Amino acid sequence: MPARTAAEAVEEYRTSAARALSCVTGAHVDVGGGYAPSDIPHALVVAGGDPVALRGDSRLTLSVGEQYGVVDEGDNGWRVRISAYFYGIGQQRGAELITYHWHPQGRGMSAGPHLHVNADVQVGTRWLGKVHLPTGPIALQDVIALAIEELDVMPLRDEWGQLLRETRHR
């Protein structure tokens, strides 16, 4: 169902992100008053920008940041469009292990969706941790599912898979 106003679209976006995140954290999700169209992207911020601890023996953290704009699609109503993202999984009191980035204002490989792996390995003259490994677009739900399915993070909700599917529509 299309949003009738820009504010309604943003609140739907914020609520959807909060529902997805509720699978692994109770952290607050904020859009900082970004409820109107603007030439400058708005920011979705989780836990004030701090990494949140995830439940499980792996003692991991999750960092989330997105930039977005609010677009009037005429008869299709208002919609939020993500214009950049940062999703990181790290160690508690340690470095990020993997980070998914998309910041189109970059150049070369850094402009497209990419992955950084915190690896102290040199490949030729480059350190692997500095290489932009290309990916397709990654959704927040993908990162949450990765944490649960592959990295032994304990979900906070039994219906986490269904919630991630339901919140993918944004």
C-alpha atoms as a PDB file:
ATOM      1  CA  MET A   1       0.000   0.000   0.000  1.00  0.00           C
ATOM      2  CA  PRO A   2       1.576   3.320  -1.030  1.00  0.00           C
ATOM      3  CA  ALA A   3       2.325   5.889   1.641  1.00  0.00           C
ATOM      4  CA  ARG A   4       0.122   8.983   1.381  1.00  0.00           C
ATOM      5  CA  THR A   5       2.711  11.361   2.842  1.00  0.00           C
ATOM      6  CA  ALA A   6       6.489  11.617   3.081  1.00  0.00           C
ATOM      7  CA  ALA A   7       6.293  11.289   6.873  1.00  0.00           C
ATOM      8  CA  GLU A   8       4.178   8.125   6.573  1.00  0.00           C
ATOM      9  CA  ALA A   9       6.739   6.594   4.178  1.00  0.00           C
ATOM     10  CA  VAL A  10       9.620   7.382   6.540  1.00  0.00           C
ATOM     11  CA  GLU A  11       7.803   6.012   9.566  1.00  0.00           C
ATOM     12  CA  GLU A  12       7.024   2.808   7.653  1.00  0.00           C
ATOM     13  CA  TYR A  13      10.722   2.553   6.718  1.00  0.00           C
ATOM     14  CA  ARG A  14      11.869   3.161  10.319  1.00  0.00           C
ATOM     15  CA  THR A  15       9.339   0.680  11.696  1.00  0.00           C
ATOM     16  CA  SER A  16      10.344  -1.949   9.136  1.00  0.00           C
ATOM     17  CA  ALA A  17      14.029  -1.585  10.045  1.00  0.00           C
ATOM     18  CA  ALA A  18      13.187  -1.764  13.762  1.00  0.00           C
ATOM     19  CA  ARG A  19      11.131  -4.940  13.228  1.00  0.00           C
ATOM     20  CA  ALA A  20      13.969  -6.599  11.307  1.00  0.00           C
ATOM     21  CA  LEU A  21      16.489  -5.572  13.947  1.00  0.00           C
ATOM     22  CA  SER A  22      14.215  -6.853  16.725  1.00  0.00           C
ATOM     23  CA  CYS A  23      15.280 -10.334  15.629  1.00  0.00           C
ATOM     24  CA  VAL A  24      18.706  -9.693  17.205  1.00  0.00           C
ATOM     25  CA  THR A  25      18.561  -6.501  19.290  1.00  0.00           C
ATOM     26  CA  GLY A  26      16.242  -4.187  21.136  1.00  0.00           C
ATOM     27  CA  ALA A  27      18.303  -1.138  20.133  1.00  0.00           C
ATOM     28  CA  HIS A  28      16.531   2.106  19.285  1.00  0.00           C
ATOM     29  CA  VAL A  29      16.165   2.970  15.584  1.00  0.00           C
ATOM     30  CA  ASP A  30      16.061   6.693  14.807  1.00  0.00           C
ATOM     31  CA  VAL A  31      15.587   8.736  11.648  1.00  0.00           C
ATOM     32  CA  GLY A  32      16.561  12.005  13.340  1.00  0.00           C
ATOM     33  CA  GLY A  33      13.669  14.057  12.039  1.00  0.00           C
ATOM     34  CA  GLY A  34      14.291  13.127   8.403  1.00  0.00           C
ATOM     35  CA  TYR A  35      10.611  13.021   7.439  1.00  0.00           C
ATOM     36  CA  ALA A  36      10.628  15.368   4.445  1.00  0.00           C
ATOM     37  CA  PRO A  37      12.218  15.428   0.992  1.00  0.00           C
ATOM     38  CA  SER A  38      15.663  17.007   0.950  1.00  0.00           C
ATOM     39  CA  ASP A  39      18.642  17.374  -1.368  1.00  0.00           C
ATOM     40  CA  ILE A  40      20.794  16.139   1.511  1.00  0.00           C
ATOM     41  CA  PRO A  41      20.308  12.478   2.499  1.00  0.00           C
ATOM     42  CA  HIS A  42      18.766  11.690   5.871  1.00  0.00           C
ATOM     43  CA  ALA A  43      20.279   9.091   8.203  1.00  0.00           C
ATOM     44  CA  LEU A  44      18.785   6.026   9.821  1.00  0.00           C
ATOM     45  CA  VAL A  45      20.802   5.408  12.984  1.00  0.00           C
ATOM     46  CA  VAL A  46      20.705   2.387  15.282  1.00  0.00           C
ATOM     47  CA  ALA A  47      21.742   2.688  18.938  1.00  0.00           C
ATOM     48  CA  GLY A  48      23.059   6.203  18.419  1.00  0.00           C
ATOM     49  CA  GLY A  49      25.595   4.876  15.923  1.00  0.00           C
ATOM     50  CA  ASP A  50      27.243   2.518  18.399  1.00  0.00           C
ATOM     51  CA  PRO A  51      27.701  -1.223  17.761  1.00  0.00           C
ATOM     52  CA  VAL A  52      25.108  -3.338  19.565  1.00  0.00           C
ATOM     53  CA  ALA A  53      26.016  -6.582  21.312  1.00  0.00           C
ATOM     54  CA  LEU A  54      24.430  -9.689  19.840  1.00  0.00           C
ATOM     55  CA  ARG A  55      23.410 -12.704  21.895  1.00  0.00           C
ATOM     56  CA  GLY A  56      25.434 -15.897  21.502  1.00  0.00           C
ATOM     57  CA  ASP A  57      28.746 -17.542  22.269  1.00  0.00           C
ATOM     58  CA  SER A  58      30.428 -15.765  19.352  1.00  0.00           C
ATOM     59  CA  ARG A  59      30.188 -12.418  21.244  1.00  0.00           C
ATOM     60  CA  LEU A  60      29.591 -10.376  18.115  1.00  0.00           C
ATOM     61  CA  THR A  61      28.316  -6.857  17.539  1.00  0.00           C
ATOM     62  CA  LEU A  62      26.236  -5.310  14.801  1.00  0.00           C
ATOM     63  CA  SER A  63      26.657  -1.774  13.449  1.00  0.00           C
ATOM     64  CA  VAL A  64      24.037  -0.295  11.133  1.00  0.00           C
ATOM     65  CA  GLY A  65      23.798   2.966   9.275  1.00  0.00           C
ATOM     66  CA  GLU A  66      21.760   3.919   6.234  1.00  0.00           C
ATOM     67  CA  GLN A  67      21.244   7.116   4.297  1.00  0.00           C
ATOM     68  CA  TYR A  68      17.945   7.641   2.552  1.00  0.00           C
ATOM     69  CA  GLY A  69      15.827  10.071   0.624  1.00  0.00           C
ATOM     70  CA  VAL A  70      12.067  10.513   0.443  1.00  0.00           C
ATOM     71  CA  VAL A  71      10.628  10.419  -3.065  1.00  0.00           C
ATOM     72  CA  ASP A  72       7.179  11.358  -4.378  1.00  0.00           C
ATOM     73  CA  GLU A  73       6.253   8.709  -6.953  1.00  0.00           C
ATOM     74  CA  GLY A  74       3.018  10.412  -8.006  1.00  0.00           C
ATOM     75  CA  ASP A  75       0.151   7.941  -8.177  1.00  0.00           C
ATOM     76  CA  ASN A  76       2.337   5.357  -6.406  1.00  0.00           C
ATOM     77  CA  GLY A  77       2.597   7.580  -3.317  1.00  0.00           C
ATOM     78  CA  TRP A  78       5.690   8.378  -1.288  1.00  0.00           C
ATOM     79  CA  ARG A  79       8.611   6.000  -0.930  1.00  0.00           C
ATOM     80  CA  VAL A  80      11.937   5.905   0.905  1.00  0.00           C
ATOM     81  CA  ARG A  81      14.968   5.134  -1.224  1.00  0.00           C
ATOM     82  CA  ILE A  82      18.169   3.987   0.482  1.00  0.00           C
ATOM     83  CA  SER A  83      21.087   5.933  -1.002  1.00  0.00           C
ATOM     84  CA  ALA A  84      23.992   4.457   1.023  1.00  0.00           C
ATOM     85  CA  TYR A  85      24.561   1.868   3.738  1.00  0.00           C
ATOM     86  CA  PHE A  86      27.059   0.532   6.248  1.00  0.00           C
ATOM     87  CA  TYR A  87      26.482  -2.811   7.935  1.00  0.00           C
ATOM     88  CA  GLY A  88      29.233  -4.229  10.135  1.00  0.00           C
ATOM     89  CA  ILE A  89      29.653  -7.376  12.176  1.00  0.00           C
ATOM     90  CA  GLY A  90      32.444  -7.149  14.697  1.00  0.00           C
ATOM     91  CA  GLN A  91      33.817  -8.586  17.867  1.00  0.00           C
ATOM     92  CA  GLN A  92      32.826  -7.148  21.214  1.00  0.00           C
ATOM     93  CA  ARG A  93      35.623  -4.796  22.271  1.00  0.00           C
ATOM     94  CA  GLY A  94      37.360  -5.525  18.983  1.00  0.00           C
ATOM     95  CA  ALA A  95      37.541  -4.714  15.327  1.00  0.00           C
ATOM     96  CA  GLU A  96      34.871  -5.129  12.695  1.00  0.00           C
ATOM     97  CA  LEU A  97      35.186  -8.573  11.092  1.00  0.00           C
ATOM     98  CA  ILE A  98      33.163  -7.845   7.983  1.00  0.00           C
ATOM     99  CA  THR A  99      31.539  -4.678   6.706  1.00  0.00           C
ATOM    100  CA  TYR A 100      29.178  -4.216   3.812  1.00  0.00           C
ATOM    101  CA  HIS A 101      29.322  -0.748   2.264  1.00  0.00           C
ATOM    102  CA  TRP A 102      27.552   1.071  -0.470  1.00  0.00           C
ATOM    103  CA  HIS A 103      28.400   4.723  -0.901  1.00  0.00           C
ATOM    104  CA  PRO A 104      27.819   5.699  -4.543  1.00  0.00           C
ATOM    105  CA  GLN A 105      29.700   8.969  -4.100  1.00  0.00           C
ATOM    106  CA  GLY A 106      32.951   6.950  -4.049  1.00  0.00           C
ATOM    107  CA  ARG A 107      35.131   6.199  -7.050  1.00  0.00           C
ATOM    108  CA  GLY A 108      35.974   2.956  -8.813  1.00  0.00           C
ATOM    109  CA  MET A 109      35.212  -0.230  -6.886  1.00  0.00           C
ATOM    110  CA  SER A 110      34.301   1.745  -3.775  1.00  0.00           C
ATOM    111  CA  ALA A 111      31.270   3.301  -5.532  1.00  0.00           C
ATOM    112  CA  GLY A 112      29.384   0.027  -5.934  1.00  0.00           C
ATOM    113  CA  PRO A 113      28.162  -2.300  -3.181  1.00  0.00           C
ATOM    114  CA  HIS A 114      31.169  -4.013  -1.653  1.00  0.00           C
ATOM    115  CA  LEU A 115      32.487  -5.990   1.290  1.00  0.00           C
ATOM    116  CA  HIS A 116      35.512  -5.466   3.509  1.00  0.00           C
ATOM    117  CA  VAL A 117      36.985  -8.438   5.348  1.00  0.00           C
ATOM    118  CA  ASN A 118      39.223  -7.694   8.307  1.00  0.00           C
ATOM    119  CA  ALA A 119      42.097  -9.903   7.255  1.00  0.00           C
ATOM    120  CA  ASP A 120      45.755  -9.252   7.967  1.00  0.00           C
ATOM    121  CA  VAL A 121      46.791 -10.863   4.696  1.00  0.00           C
ATOM    122  CA  GLN A 122      48.839  -9.233   1.982  1.00  0.00           C
ATOM    123  CA  VAL A 123      47.948  -9.989  -1.646  1.00  0.00           C
ATOM    124  CA  GLY A 124      50.640  -8.540  -3.881  1.00  0.00           C
ATOM    125  CA  THR A 125      51.022  -4.979  -2.700  1.00  0.00           C
ATOM    126  CA  ARG A 126      47.549  -4.721  -1.123  1.00  0.00           C
ATOM    127  CA  TRP A 127      46.255  -5.728   2.287  1.00  0.00           C
ATOM    128  CA  LEU A 128      43.086  -7.815   1.938  1.00  0.00           C
ATOM    129  CA  GLY A 129      41.374  -5.745   4.625  1.00  0.00           C
ATOM    130  CA  LYS A 130      41.642  -2.674   2.368  1.00  0.00           C
ATOM    131  CA  VAL A 131      40.292  -4.348  -0.778  1.00  0.00           C
ATOM    132  CA  HIS A 132      36.734  -3.569  -1.923  1.00  0.00           C
ATOM    133  CA  LEU A 133      35.289  -7.016  -2.661  1.00  0.00           C
ATOM    134  CA  PRO A 134      32.324  -6.465  -5.016  1.00  0.00           C
ATOM    135  CA  THR A 135      28.873  -7.654  -4.016  1.00  0.00           C
ATOM    136  CA  GLY A 136      25.397  -6.996  -5.244  1.00  0.00           C
ATOM    137  CA  PRO A 137      23.133  -4.822  -3.137  1.00  0.00           C
ATOM    138  CA  ILE A 138      22.891  -6.148   0.420  1.00  0.00           C
ATOM    139  CA  ALA A 139      19.821  -5.621   2.562  1.00  0.00           C
ATOM    140  CA  LEU A 140      19.872  -5.240   6.329  1.00  0.00           C
ATOM    141  CA  GLN A 141      17.848  -8.450   6.466  1.00  0.00           C
ATOM    142  CA  ASP A 142      20.680 -10.300   4.663  1.00  0.00           C
ATOM    143  CA  VAL A 143      23.168  -9.264   7.342  1.00  0.00           C
ATOM    144  CA  ILE A 144      20.843 -10.253  10.178  1.00  0.00           C
ATOM    145  CA  ALA A 145      20.214 -13.660   8.556  1.00  0.00           C
ATOM    146  CA  LEU A 146      23.983 -14.131   8.067  1.00  0.00           C
ATOM    147  CA  ALA A 147      24.591 -13.434  11.742  1.00  0.00           C
ATOM    148  CA  ILE A 148      21.948 -15.940  12.839  1.00  0.00           C
ATOM    149  CA  GLU A 149      22.477 -18.691  10.260  1.00  0.00           C
ATOM    150  CA  GLU A 150      26.248 -18.628   9.850  1.00  0.00           C
ATOM    151  CA  LEU A 151      27.791 -16.832  12.833  1.00  0.00           C
ATOM    152  CA  ASP A 152      25.907 -18.449  15.729  1.00  0.00           C
ATOM    153  CA  VAL A 153      24.052 -15.334  16.860  1.00  0.00           C
ATOM    154  CA  MET A 154      21.035 -16.340  18.928  1.00  0.00           C
ATOM    155  CA  PRO A 155      17.837 -14.706  17.649  1.00  0.00           C
ATOM    156  CA  LEU A 156      15.638 -12.871  20.108  1.00  0.00           C
ATOM    157  CA  ARG A 157      12.480 -13.955  18.301  1.00  0.00           C
ATOM    158  CA  ASP A 158      11.362 -17.413  17.272  1.00  0.00           C
ATOM    159  CA  GLU A 159       9.722 -16.053  14.107  1.00  0.00           C
ATOM    160  CA  TRP A 160      12.876 -14.228  12.959  1.00  0.00           C
ATOM    161  CA  GLY A 161      12.841 -15.773   9.464  1.00  0.00           C
ATOM    162  CA  GLN A 162       9.281 -14.671   8.806  1.00  0.00           C
ATOM    163  CA  LEU A 163       9.968 -11.170  10.150  1.00  0.00           C
ATOM    164  CA  LEU A 164      12.987 -10.783   7.867  1.00  0.00           C
ATOM    165  CA  ARG A 165      10.918 -11.867   4.858  1.00  0.00           C
ATOM    166  CA  GLU A 166       8.087  -9.493   5.763  1.00  0.00           C
ATOM    167  CA  THR A 167      10.367  -6.479   6.204  1.00  0.00           C
ATOM    168  CA  ARG A 168      12.232  -6.979   2.911  1.00  0.00           C
ATOM    169  CA  HIS A 169       9.637  -5.053   0.894  1.00  0.00           C
ATOM    170  CA  ARG A 170      11.148  -1.662   1.626  1.00  0.00           C
END
